[in-house]
PDB file of N, CA and C in Angstrom:
ATOM      1  N   MET A   1     -15.504 -19.213   0.736  1.00  0.00           N
ATOM      2  CA  MET A   1     -14.419 -19.340  -0.225  1.00  0.00           C
ATOM      3  C   MET A   1     -13.409 -18.208  -0.048  1.00  0.00           C
ATOM      4  N   LEU A   2     -13.893 -16.965   0.049  1.00  0.00           N
ATOM      5  CA  LEU A   2     -13.002 -15.817   0.202  1.00  0.00           C
ATOM      6  C   LEU A   2     -12.259 -15.884   1.533  1.00  0.00           C
ATOM      7  N   LYS A   3     -12.941 -16.328   2.571  1.00  0.00           N
ATOM      8  CA  LYS A   3     -12.313 -16.432   3.884  1.00  0.00           C
ATOM      9  C   LYS A   3     -11.163 -17.441   3.844  1.00  0.00           C
ATOM     10  N   LYS A   4     -11.359 -18.525   3.125  1.00  0.00           N
ATOM     11  CA  LYS A   4     -10.321 -19.551   2.996  1.00  0.00           C
ATOM     12  C   LYS A   4      -9.104 -18.991   2.266  1.00  0.00           C
ATOM     13  N   GLU A   5      -9.337 -18.218   1.214  1.00  0.00           N
ATOM     14  CA  GLU A   5      -8.230 -17.623   0.460  1.00  0.00           C
ATOM     15  C   GLU A   5      -7.456 -16.626   1.314  1.00  0.00           C
ATOM     16  N   ILE A   6      -8.159 -15.833   2.098  1.00  0.00           N
ATOM     17  CA  ILE A   6      -7.500 -14.869   2.980  1.00  0.00           C
ATOM     18  C   ILE A   6      -6.640 -15.595   4.008  1.00  0.00           C
ATOM     19  N   LEU A   7      -7.160 -16.674   4.570  1.00  0.00           N
ATOM     20  CA  LEU A   7      -6.388 -17.443   5.542  1.00  0.00           C
ATOM     21  C   LEU A   7      -5.134 -18.042   4.915  1.00  0.00           C
ATOM     22  N   ILE A   8      -5.231 -18.509   3.682  1.00  0.00           N
ATOM     23  CA  ILE A   8      -4.063 -19.064   2.987  1.00  0.00           C
ATOM     24  C   ILE A   8      -3.016 -17.986   2.759  1.00  0.00           C
ATOM     25  N   VAL A   9      -3.447 -16.819   2.318  1.00  0.00           N
ATOM     26  CA  VAL A   9      -2.503 -15.716   2.081  1.00  0.00           C
ATOM     27  C   VAL A   9      -1.820 -15.312   3.383  1.00  0.00           C
ATOM     28  N   LEU A  10      -2.575 -15.191   4.458  1.00  0.00           N
ATOM     29  CA  LEU A  10      -1.988 -14.836   5.751  1.00  0.00           C
ATOM     30  C   LEU A  10      -1.021 -15.907   6.238  1.00  0.00           C
ATOM     31  N   PHE A  11      -1.376 -17.165   6.039  1.00  0.00           N
ATOM     32  CA  PHE A  11      -0.490 -18.259   6.440  1.00  0.00           C
ATOM     33  C   PHE A  11       0.839 -18.185   5.703  1.00  0.00           C
ATOM     34  N   VAL A  12       0.783 -17.978   4.390  1.00  0.00           N
ATOM     35  CA  VAL A  12       2.011 -17.875   3.596  1.00  0.00           C
ATOM     36  C   VAL A  12       2.810 -16.642   4.003  1.00  0.00           C
ATOM     37  N   ALA A  13       2.130 -15.531   4.252  1.00  0.00           N
ATOM     38  CA  ALA A  13       2.818 -14.292   4.621  1.00  0.00           C
ATOM     39  C   ALA A  13       3.563 -14.437   5.940  1.00  0.00           C
ATOM     40  N   PHE A  14       2.967 -15.135   6.900  1.00  0.00           N
ATOM     41  CA  PHE A  14       3.622 -15.285   8.199  1.00  0.00           C
ATOM     42  C   PHE A  14       4.604 -16.453   8.231  1.00  0.00           C
ATOM     43  N   THR A  15       4.419 -17.432   7.351  1.00  0.00           N
ATOM     44  CA  THR A  15       5.328 -18.573   7.319  1.00  0.00           C
ATOM     45  C   THR A  15       6.600 -18.257   6.548  1.00  0.00           C
ATOM     46  N   PHE A  16       6.470 -17.514   5.461  1.00  0.00           N
ATOM     47  CA  PHE A  16       7.613 -17.173   4.614  1.00  0.00           C
ATOM     48  C   PHE A  16       7.749 -15.654   4.510  1.00  0.00           C
ATOM     49  N   PRO A  17       8.197 -14.977   5.566  1.00  0.00           N
ATOM     50  CA  PRO A  17       8.246 -13.506   5.530  1.00  0.00           C
ATOM     51  C   PRO A  17       9.194 -12.954   4.475  1.00  0.00           C
ATOM     52  N   GLU A  18      10.248 -13.701   4.128  1.00  0.00           N
ATOM     53  CA  GLU A  18      11.164 -13.184   3.111  1.00  0.00           C
ATOM     54  C   GLU A  18      10.492 -13.096   1.740  1.00  0.00           C
ATOM     55  N   ALA A  19       9.485 -13.905   1.493  1.00  0.00           N
ATOM     56  CA  ALA A  19       8.753 -13.812   0.228  1.00  0.00           C
ATOM     57  C   ALA A  19       7.874 -12.567   0.194  1.00  0.00           C
ATOM     58  N   VAL A  20       7.390 -12.149   1.349  1.00  0.00           N
ATOM     59  CA  VAL A  20       6.528 -10.976   1.425  1.00  0.00           C
ATOM     60  C   VAL A  20       7.347  -9.693   1.382  1.00  0.00           C
ATOM     61  N   GLU A  21       8.514  -9.700   2.043  1.00  0.00           N
ATOM     62  CA  GLU A  21       9.346  -8.503   2.103  1.00  0.00           C
ATOM     63  C   GLU A  21      10.008  -8.190   0.773  1.00  0.00           C
ATOM     64  N   ALA A  22      10.216  -9.178  -0.048  1.00  0.00           N
ATOM     65  CA  ALA A  22      10.832  -9.043  -1.372  1.00  0.00           C
ATOM     66  C   ALA A  22      12.148  -8.284  -1.300  1.00  0.00           C
ATOM     67  N   GLN A  23      12.210  -7.091  -1.837  1.00  0.00           N
ATOM     68  CA  GLN A  23      13.451  -6.335  -1.939  1.00  0.00           C
ATOM     69  C   GLN A  23      13.548  -5.211  -0.919  1.00  0.00           C
ATOM     70  N   CYS A  24      12.784  -5.244   0.142  1.00  0.00           N
ATOM     71  CA  CYS A  24      12.747  -4.123   1.083  1.00  0.00           C
ATOM     72  C   CYS A  24      14.111  -3.777   1.658  1.00  0.00           C
ATOM     73  N   SER A  25      14.879  -4.772   2.060  1.00  0.00           N
ATOM     74  CA  SER A  25      16.185  -4.470   2.651  1.00  0.00           C
ATOM     75  C   SER A  25      17.112  -3.830   1.627  1.00  0.00           C
ATOM     76  N   MET A  26      16.990  -4.245   0.381  1.00  0.00           N
ATOM     77  CA  MET A  26      17.810  -3.664  -0.678  1.00  0.00           C
ATOM     78  C   MET A  26      17.427  -2.200  -0.905  1.00  0.00           C
ATOM     79  N   CYS A  27      16.153  -1.936  -0.984  1.00  0.00           N
ATOM     80  CA  CYS A  27      15.693  -0.555  -1.178  1.00  0.00           C
ATOM     81  C   CYS A  27      16.108   0.311  -0.003  1.00  0.00           C
ATOM     82  N   ARG A  28      15.951  -0.221   1.200  1.00  0.00           N
ATOM     83  CA  ARG A  28      16.303   0.537   2.398  1.00  0.00           C
ATOM     84  C   ARG A  28      17.787   0.879   2.401  1.00  0.00           C
ATOM     85  N   ALA A  29      18.635  -0.075   2.028  1.00  0.00           N
ATOM     86  CA  ALA A  29      20.083   0.174   2.008  1.00  0.00           C
ATOM     87  C   ALA A  29      20.437   1.259   1.000  1.00  0.00           C
ATOM     88  N   VAL A  30      19.816   1.227  -0.159  1.00  0.00           N
ATOM     89  CA  VAL A  30      20.101   2.232  -1.184  1.00  0.00           C
ATOM     90  C   VAL A  30      19.621   3.604  -0.728  1.00  0.00           C
ATOM     91  N   LEU A  31      18.438   3.665  -0.159  1.00  0.00           N
ATOM     92  CA  LEU A  31      17.881   4.949   0.259  1.00  0.00           C
ATOM     93  C   LEU A  31      18.638   5.551   1.437  1.00  0.00           C
ATOM     94  N   GLU A  32      19.087   4.718   2.363  1.00  0.00           N
ATOM     95  CA  GLU A  32      19.800   5.239   3.528  1.00  0.00           C
ATOM     96  C   GLU A  32      21.225   5.646   3.207  1.00  0.00           C
ATOM     97  N   SER A  33      21.804   5.075   2.154  1.00  0.00           N
ATOM     98  CA  SER A  33      23.196   5.378   1.837  1.00  0.00           C
ATOM     99  C   SER A  33      23.349   6.690   1.064  1.00  0.00           C
ATOM    100  N   GLU A  34      22.266   7.196   0.516  1.00  0.00           N
ATOM    101  CA  GLU A  34      22.349   8.432  -0.256  1.00  0.00           C
ATOM    102  C   GLU A  34      22.540   9.622   0.681  1.00  0.00           C
ATOM    103  N   GLU A  35      23.376  10.557   0.276  1.00  0.00           N
ATOM    104  CA  GLU A  35      23.722  11.685   1.142  1.00  0.00           C
ATOM    105  C   GLU A  35      22.584  12.697   1.282  1.00  0.00           C
ATOM    106  N   GLY A  36      22.000  13.137   0.185  1.00  0.00           N
ATOM    107  CA  GLY A  36      20.982  14.188   0.237  1.00  0.00           C
ATOM    108  C   GLY A  36      19.597  13.711   0.602  1.00  0.00           C
ATOM    109  N   GLN A  37      19.366  12.412   0.583  1.00  0.00           N
ATOM    110  CA  GLN A  37      18.069  11.815   0.894  1.00  0.00           C
ATOM    111  C   GLN A  37      16.971  12.252  -0.063  1.00  0.00           C
ATOM    112  N   ASN A  38      17.336  12.742  -1.256  1.00  0.00           N
ATOM    113  CA  ASN A  38      16.317  13.163  -2.227  1.00  0.00           C
ATOM    114  C   ASN A  38      15.508  11.981  -2.736  1.00  0.00           C
ATOM    115  N   THR A  39      16.177  10.863  -2.984  1.00  0.00           N
ATOM    116  CA  THR A  39      15.464   9.680  -3.467  1.00  0.00           C
ATOM    117  C   THR A  39      14.500   9.172  -2.403  1.00  0.00           C
ATOM    118  N   ALA A  40      14.935   9.168  -1.155  1.00  0.00           N
ATOM    119  CA  ALA A  40      14.066   8.709  -0.067  1.00  0.00           C
ATOM    120  C   ALA A  40      12.837   9.600   0.057  1.00  0.00           C
ATOM    121  N   LYS A  41      13.024  10.898  -0.087  1.00  0.00           N
ATOM    122  CA  LYS A  41      11.886  11.819  -0.024  1.00  0.00           C
ATOM    123  C   LYS A  41      10.924  11.557  -1.180  1.00  0.00           C
ATOM    124  N   GLY A  42      11.465  11.284  -2.356  1.00  0.00           N
ATOM    125  CA  GLY A  42      10.624  10.976  -3.510  1.00  0.00           C
ATOM    126  C   GLY A  42       9.852   9.685  -3.326  1.00  0.00           C
ATOM    127  N   ILE A  43      10.518   8.668  -2.788  1.00  0.00           N
ATOM    128  CA  ILE A  43       9.846   7.391  -2.526  1.00  0.00           C
ATOM    129  C   ILE A  43       8.725   7.596  -1.506  1.00  0.00           C
ATOM    130  N   ASN A  44       8.996   8.349  -0.452  1.00  0.00           N
ATOM    131  CA  ASN A  44       7.972   8.601   0.570  1.00  0.00           C
ATOM    132  C   ASN A  44       6.786   9.369  -0.005  1.00  0.00           C
ATOM    133  N   ASP A  45       7.043  10.344  -0.864  1.00  0.00           N
ATOM    134  CA  ASP A  45       5.943  11.073  -1.510  1.00  0.00           C
ATOM    135  C   ASP A  45       5.116  10.135  -2.380  1.00  0.00           C
ATOM    136  N   GLY A  46       5.778   9.261  -3.109  1.00  0.00           N
ATOM    137  CA  GLY A  46       5.073   8.296  -3.947  1.00  0.00           C
ATOM    138  C   GLY A  46       4.194   7.370  -3.130  1.00  0.00           C
ATOM    139  N   ILE A  47       4.694   6.947  -1.978  1.00  0.00           N
ATOM    140  CA  ILE A  47       3.908   6.080  -1.101  1.00  0.00           C
ATOM    141  C   ILE A  47       2.666   6.813  -0.606  1.00  0.00           C
ATOM    142  N   VAL A  48       2.818   8.076  -0.252  1.00  0.00           N
ATOM    143  CA  VAL A  48       1.666   8.857   0.221  1.00  0.00           C
ATOM    144  C   VAL A  48       0.626   8.992  -0.888  1.00  0.00           C
ATOM    145  N   TYR A  49       1.060   9.270  -2.108  1.00  0.00           N
ATOM    146  CA  TYR A  49       0.112   9.383  -3.220  1.00  0.00           C
ATOM    147  C   TYR A  49      -0.595   8.061  -3.471  1.00  0.00           C
ATOM    148  N   LEU A  50       0.148   6.972  -3.476  1.00  0.00           N
ATOM    149  CA  LEU A  50      -0.463   5.666  -3.706  1.00  0.00           C
ATOM    150  C   LEU A  50      -1.436   5.299  -2.592  1.00  0.00           C
ATOM    151  N   MET A  51      -1.149   5.727  -1.374  1.00  0.00           N
ATOM    152  CA  MET A  51      -2.014   5.430  -0.247  1.00  0.00           C
ATOM    153  C   MET A  51      -3.284   6.286  -0.287  1.00  0.00           C
ATOM    154  N   ALA A  52      -3.178   7.528  -0.732  1.00  0.00           N
ATOM    155  CA  ALA A  52      -4.309   8.453  -0.686  1.00  0.00           C
ATOM    156  C   ALA A  52      -5.334   8.198  -1.787  1.00  0.00           C
ATOM    157  N   ILE A  53      -4.907   7.760  -2.937  1.00  0.00           N
ATOM    158  CA  ILE A  53      -5.812   7.616  -4.085  1.00  0.00           C
ATOM    159  C   ILE A  53      -6.984   6.669  -3.802  1.00  0.00           C
ATOM    160  N   PRO A  54      -6.788   5.478  -3.221  1.00  0.00           N
ATOM    161  CA  PRO A  54      -7.959   4.628  -2.945  1.00  0.00           C
ATOM    162  C   PRO A  54      -8.957   5.277  -1.989  1.00  0.00           C
ATOM    163  N   TYR A  55      -8.456   5.999  -0.983  1.00  0.00           N
ATOM    164  CA  TYR A  55      -9.363   6.676  -0.051  1.00  0.00           C
ATOM    165  C   TYR A  55     -10.176   7.752  -0.762  1.00  0.00           C
ATOM    166  N   ILE A  56      -9.548   8.479  -1.648  1.00  0.00           N
ATOM    167  CA  ILE A  56     -10.257   9.515  -2.407  1.00  0.00           C
ATOM    168  C   ILE A  56     -11.316   8.885  -3.299  1.00  0.00           C
ATOM    169  N   LEU A  57     -10.976   7.792  -3.969  1.00  0.00           N
ATOM    170  CA  LEU A  57     -11.938   7.122  -4.842  1.00  0.00           C
ATOM    171  C   LEU A  57     -13.126   6.577  -4.055  1.00  0.00           C
ATOM    172  N   VAL A  58     -12.867   5.973  -2.906  1.00  0.00           N
ATOM    173  CA  VAL A  58     -13.960   5.451  -2.076  1.00  0.00           C
ATOM    174  C   VAL A  58     -14.849   6.595  -1.597  1.00  0.00           C
ATOM    175  N   PHE A  59     -14.245   7.707  -1.206  1.00  0.00           N
ATOM    176  CA  PHE A  59     -15.028   8.866  -0.781  1.00  0.00           C
ATOM    177  C   PHE A  59     -15.918   9.359  -1.914  1.00  0.00           C
ATOM    178  N   LEU A  60     -15.361   9.475  -3.126  1.00  0.00           N
ATOM    179  CA  LEU A  60     -16.145   9.977  -4.256  1.00  0.00           C
ATOM    180  C   LEU A  60     -17.291   9.040  -4.611  1.00  0.00           C
ATOM    181  N   VAL A  61     -17.042   7.743  -4.591  1.00  0.00           N
ATOM    182  CA  VAL A  61     -18.107   6.780  -4.885  1.00  0.00           C
ATOM    183  C   VAL A  61     -19.176   6.844  -3.796  1.00  0.00           C
ATOM    184  N   GLY A  62     -18.760   6.901  -2.539  1.00  0.00           N
ATOM    185  CA  GLY A  62     -19.721   6.997  -1.435  1.00  0.00           C
ATOM    186  C   GLY A  62     -20.541   8.264  -1.506  1.00  0.00           C
ATOM    187  N   TRP A  63     -19.892   9.370  -1.841  1.00  0.00           N
ATOM    188  CA  TRP A  63     -20.603  10.639  -1.971  1.00  0.00           C
ATOM    189  C   TRP A  63     -21.625  10.567  -3.100  1.00  0.00           C
ATOM    190  N   ARG A  64     -21.245   9.950  -4.211  1.00  0.00           N
ATOM    191  CA  ARG A  64     -22.157   9.822  -5.362  1.00  0.00           C
ATOM    192  C   ARG A  64     -23.350   8.932  -5.012  1.00  0.00           C
ATOM    193  N   VAL A  65     -23.096   7.829  -4.324  1.00  0.00           N
ATOM    194  CA  VAL A  65     -24.185   6.938  -3.907  1.00  0.00           C
ATOM    195  C   VAL A  65     -25.112   7.668  -2.940  1.00  0.00           C
ATOM    196  N   PHE A  66     -24.547   8.435  -2.024  1.00  0.00           N
ATOM    197  CA  PHE A  66     -25.351   9.215  -1.082  1.00  0.00           C
ATOM    198  C   PHE A  66     -26.248  10.194  -1.823  1.00  0.00           C
ATOM    199  N   LYS A  67     -25.699  10.877  -2.832  1.00  0.00           N
ATOM    200  CA  LYS A  67     -26.492  11.838  -3.608  1.00  0.00           C
ATOM    201  C   LYS A  67     -27.621  11.135  -4.364  1.00  0.00           C
ATOM    202  N   ILE A  68     -27.333   9.961  -4.916  1.00  0.00           N
ATOM    203  CA  ILE A  68     -28.357   9.218  -5.660  1.00  0.00           C
ATOM    204  C   ILE A  68     -29.451   8.737  -4.711  1.00  0.00           C
ATOM    205  N   MET A  69     -29.067   8.223  -3.542  1.00  0.00           N
ATOM    206  CA  MET A  69     -30.048   7.715  -2.586  1.00  0.00           C
ATOM    207  C   MET A  69     -30.885   8.845  -1.986  1.00  0.00           C
ATOM    208  N   LYS A  70     -30.322  10.034  -1.902  1.00  0.00           N
ATOM    209  CA  LYS A  70     -31.030  11.182  -1.342  1.00  0.00           C
ATOM    210  C   LYS A  70     -32.164  11.628  -2.264  1.00  0.00           C
ATOM    211  N   GLU A  71     -31.977  11.482  -3.566  1.00  0.00           N
ATOM    212  CA  GLU A  71     -32.992  11.915  -4.543  1.00  0.00           C
ATOM    213  C   GLU A  71     -34.129  10.982  -4.609  1.00  0.00           C
TER     214      GLU A  71
END
């Protein structure tokens, strides 16, 4: 069941790329047009934080499971 859902999502993503990209071109135009690039730096920092948090959570859960299994 899950494999079928993943295939459907991938099919839609590759068939209708404009639906997946959403507002990317708009955001890119706004960020590139700014002179100081402060907004772009802020957006990039936000992306890094959003990307790092799941990895940190998985590490903490794995570490906790390891400690429990060790005892």
